């Protein structure tokens, strides 16, 4: 192996290590994706839904219309494998608790141009058995209002309209369900 090849290999390894040690290297703030954080101390008010286009499975909704209910706001897009992997858990949670005051609002925020198509979103809803309300956020306005940065992302809003839990990525399904049931039980 010549010296140039060895130096190039070392530079690649160093850049890889620096990238994993310094997540802000590409302009992103450091963040652990698979660890949820609870906003219970801050009780941040949930932003309303803004700039949404088509609504599926429901007439247009406002967060104020859902006061008194526990709401899971689920940012996703049908072209994201990680998002699709979460859908069985989200739909099962909705089926299990919807009669107890639990609502899921899917915010379909496209990453790619083909994901903007209403007919493609409708086909994805059918393919994945999604019956809860889903709105198209083609201009990312609700995404921006929540300061969201990742697909998928789940925000749990309590009966008073406050965000009490947020998680990015797959997983944490048990914690999400515990948070939902805790809020539902506190209201009964």
Protein backbone atom coordinates (compact mmCIF):
# COMPACT_ATOMS: atom_id res chain seq x y z
CA UNK A 1 0.00 0.00 0.00
CA UNK A 2 1.53 3.31 -0.97
CA UNK A 3 1.70 6.31 1.34
CA UNK A 4 -1.00 8.29 -0.50
CA UNK A 5 -3.50 5.44 -0.29
CA UNK A 6 -2.72 4.95 3.38
CA UNK A 7 -3.14 8.70 4.04
CA UNK A 8 -6.46 8.77 2.15
CA UNK A 9 -7.73 5.77 4.11
CA UNK A 10 -6.74 7.40 7.39
CA UNK A 11 -8.51 10.61 6.36
CA UNK A 12 -11.73 8.72 5.57
CA UNK A 13 -11.63 6.90 8.90
CA UNK A 14 -10.93 10.16 10.75
CA UNK A 15 -13.80 11.93 8.98
CA UNK A 16 -16.15 9.07 9.83
CA UNK A 17 -15.15 9.14 13.47
CA UNK A 18 -15.46 12.92 13.63
CA UNK A 19 -18.90 12.75 12.05
CA UNK A 20 -20.13 10.28 14.64
CA UNK A 21 -18.56 12.21 17.51
CA UNK A 22 -19.70 15.60 16.21
CA UNK A 23 -23.27 15.27 14.95
CA UNK A 24 -23.44 19.03 14.36
CA UNK A 25 -20.76 18.67 11.68
CA UNK A 26 -23.38 18.82 8.92
CA UNK A 27 -25.30 21.68 10.48
CA UNK A 28 -27.66 19.59 12.59
CA UNK A 29 -27.90 20.15 16.30
CA UNK A 30 -26.73 17.17 18.35
CA UNK A 31 -29.63 14.83 19.05
CA UNK A 32 -30.11 11.21 20.00
CA UNK A 33 -32.75 9.85 17.65
CA UNK A 34 -33.82 6.72 19.47
CA UNK A 35 -34.28 8.36 22.88
CA UNK A 36 -37.55 10.11 23.57
CA UNK A 37 -37.64 13.22 25.63
CA UNK A 38 -40.54 14.35 27.74
CA UNK A 39 -41.59 17.96 27.66
CA UNK A 40 -43.73 17.55 30.76
CA UNK A 41 -41.71 20.12 32.71
CA UNK A 42 -42.16 22.74 30.02
CA UNK A 43 -45.71 21.72 29.05
CA UNK A 44 -45.17 23.39 25.69
CA UNK A 45 -48.43 24.34 23.95
CA UNK A 46 -48.92 22.32 20.78
CA UNK A 47 -48.99 24.45 17.63
CA UNK A 48 -52.19 24.30 15.62
CA UNK A 49 -52.31 22.65 12.22
CA UNK A 50 -51.48 25.24 9.55
CA UNK A 51 -51.14 25.27 5.78
CA UNK A 52 -52.58 21.81 5.30
CA UNK A 53 -54.06 20.68 2.02
CA UNK A 54 -56.20 17.60 1.58
CA UNK A 55 -57.63 15.82 4.60
CA UNK A 56 -58.33 12.11 4.40
CA UNK A 57 -60.67 10.12 6.68
CA UNK A 58 -61.94 13.37 8.24
CA UNK A 59 -63.05 16.91 7.64
CA UNK A 60 -60.30 19.44 8.41
CA UNK A 61 -59.50 19.58 12.12
CA UNK A 62 -58.02 22.16 14.44
CA UNK A 63 -56.19 21.26 17.60
CA UNK A 64 -58.68 23.36 19.59
CA UNK A 65 -61.45 21.02 18.35
CA UNK A 66 -59.61 18.13 20.06
CA UNK A 67 -59.37 19.61 23.57
CA UNK A 68 -60.33 17.03 26.15
CA UNK A 69 -58.79 14.26 24.01
CA UNK A 70 -55.30 12.75 23.95
CA UNK A 71 -53.79 13.38 20.52
CA UNK A 72 -50.87 11.69 18.79
CA UNK A 73 -49.57 13.93 16.01
CA UNK A 74 -47.61 11.62 13.71
CA UNK A 75 -45.32 13.19 11.08
CA UNK A 76 -44.66 10.72 8.30
CA UNK A 77 -44.42 10.17 4.58
CA UNK A 78 -45.30 7.01 2.71
CA UNK A 79 -41.95 6.85 0.91
CA UNK A 80 -39.98 6.63 4.16
CA UNK A 81 -39.19 3.06 5.22
CA UNK A 82 -38.84 4.08 8.88
CA UNK A 83 -42.25 5.77 8.73
CA UNK A 84 -43.85 2.70 7.19
CA UNK A 85 -42.30 0.54 9.91
CA UNK A 86 -44.09 2.60 12.58
CA UNK A 87 -47.52 2.47 10.95
CA UNK A 88 -48.62 -0.95 12.34
CA UNK A 89 -47.91 0.34 15.85
CA UNK A 90 -49.69 3.66 15.30
CA UNK A 91 -52.77 2.03 13.71
CA UNK A 92 -52.94 -0.61 16.48
CA UNK A 93 -52.71 2.08 19.17
CA UNK A 94 -55.49 4.04 17.47
CA UNK A 95 -57.71 0.96 17.19
CA UNK A 96 -57.13 0.09 20.85
CA UNK A 97 -57.84 3.52 22.39
CA UNK A 98 -59.94 5.55 19.95
CA UNK A 99 -63.13 4.79 21.90
CA UNK A 100 -61.53 6.19 25.08
CA UNK A 101 -60.78 9.70 23.78
CA UNK A 102 -57.58 9.03 21.82
CA UNK A 103 -57.06 10.58 18.40
CA UNK A 104 -54.24 10.13 15.91
CA UNK A 105 -53.61 12.87 13.37
CA UNK A 106 -51.25 11.86 10.60
CA UNK A 107 -49.37 14.78 9.09
CA UNK A 108 -48.12 13.54 5.73
CA UNK A 109 -45.14 15.77 4.93
CA UNK A 110 -43.48 14.73 1.66
CA UNK A 111 -39.76 14.45 1.25
CA UNK A 112 -39.88 13.89 -2.52
CA UNK A 113 -42.08 15.43 -5.25
CA UNK A 114 -43.97 12.18 -6.00
CA UNK A 115 -45.14 12.07 -2.37
CA UNK A 116 -47.15 15.28 -2.93
CA UNK A 117 -49.78 13.45 -4.97
CA UNK A 118 -53.12 13.12 -3.17
CA UNK A 119 -53.90 9.91 -5.04
CA UNK A 120 -50.57 8.40 -3.95
CA UNK A 121 -51.28 9.33 -0.33
CA UNK A 122 -54.80 7.88 -0.60
CA UNK A 123 -53.38 4.63 -2.00
CA UNK A 124 -50.87 4.46 0.87
CA UNK A 125 -53.65 4.94 3.43
CA UNK A 126 -55.56 2.05 1.91
CA UNK A 127 -52.44 -0.14 1.61
CA UNK A 128 -51.57 0.38 5.30
CA UNK A 129 -55.13 0.24 6.67
CA UNK A 130 -55.02 3.79 8.03
CA UNK A 131 -58.45 4.99 9.13
CA UNK A 132 -57.46 7.89 11.39
CA UNK A 133 -57.39 11.47 10.02
CA UNK A 134 -54.43 12.32 7.80
CA UNK A 135 -53.65 15.72 6.31
CA UNK A 136 -51.24 16.62 3.53
CA UNK A 137 -48.59 19.12 4.59
CA UNK A 138 -47.05 19.63 1.15
CA UNK A 139 -45.62 23.04 2.06
CA UNK A 140 -44.24 21.80 5.42
CA UNK A 141 -46.07 24.52 7.31
CA UNK A 142 -47.31 22.33 10.18
CA UNK A 143 -43.91 20.56 10.13
CA UNK A 144 -42.28 23.99 10.61
CA UNK A 145 -44.78 25.06 13.29
CA UNK A 146 -43.74 22.01 15.34
CA UNK A 147 -40.06 22.68 14.52
CA UNK A 148 -39.93 19.09 13.39
CA UNK A 149 -36.82 17.79 11.67
CA UNK A 150 -37.21 14.04 11.27
CA UNK A 151 -39.42 11.35 9.73
CA UNK A 152 -41.13 9.78 11.53
CA UNK A 153 -41.82 11.89 14.59
CA UNK A 154 -44.54 11.51 17.18
CA UNK A 155 -45.88 14.22 19.47
CA UNK A 156 -48.35 13.40 22.24
CA UNK A 157 -50.65 16.26 23.16
CA UNK A 158 -52.59 16.10 26.42
CA UNK A 159 -56.22 17.02 26.99
CA UNK A 160 -55.23 20.66 27.62
CA UNK A 161 -53.38 21.06 24.32
CA UNK A 162 -49.85 20.73 25.73
CA UNK A 163 -47.10 18.59 24.22
CA UNK A 164 -46.09 16.14 26.94
CA UNK A 165 -43.99 13.68 24.92
CA UNK A 166 -42.02 13.71 21.69
CA UNK A 167 -40.06 11.00 19.91
CA UNK A 168 -38.16 10.86 16.61
CA UNK A 169 -37.68 7.64 14.66
CA UNK A 170 -38.83 4.11 15.17
CA UNK A 171 -39.27 2.41 18.50
CA UNK A 172 -40.33 3.54 21.96
CA UNK A 173 -43.74 1.97 21.27
CA UNK A 174 -44.19 0.85 24.89
CA UNK A 175 -43.31 4.33 26.20
CA UNK A 176 -45.72 5.93 23.74
CA UNK A 177 -48.51 3.59 24.84
CA UNK A 178 -47.73 4.16 28.54
CA UNK A 179 -47.90 7.91 27.99
CA UNK A 180 -51.23 7.62 26.15
CA UNK A 181 -52.79 5.31 28.73
CA UNK A 182 -51.49 7.43 31.61
CA UNK A 183 -53.18 10.50 30.14
CA UNK A 184 -56.39 8.61 29.38
CA UNK A 185 -56.50 7.11 32.89
CA UNK A 186 -55.84 10.47 34.53
CA UNK A 187 -58.97 11.79 32.85
CA UNK A 188 -61.26 8.91 33.93
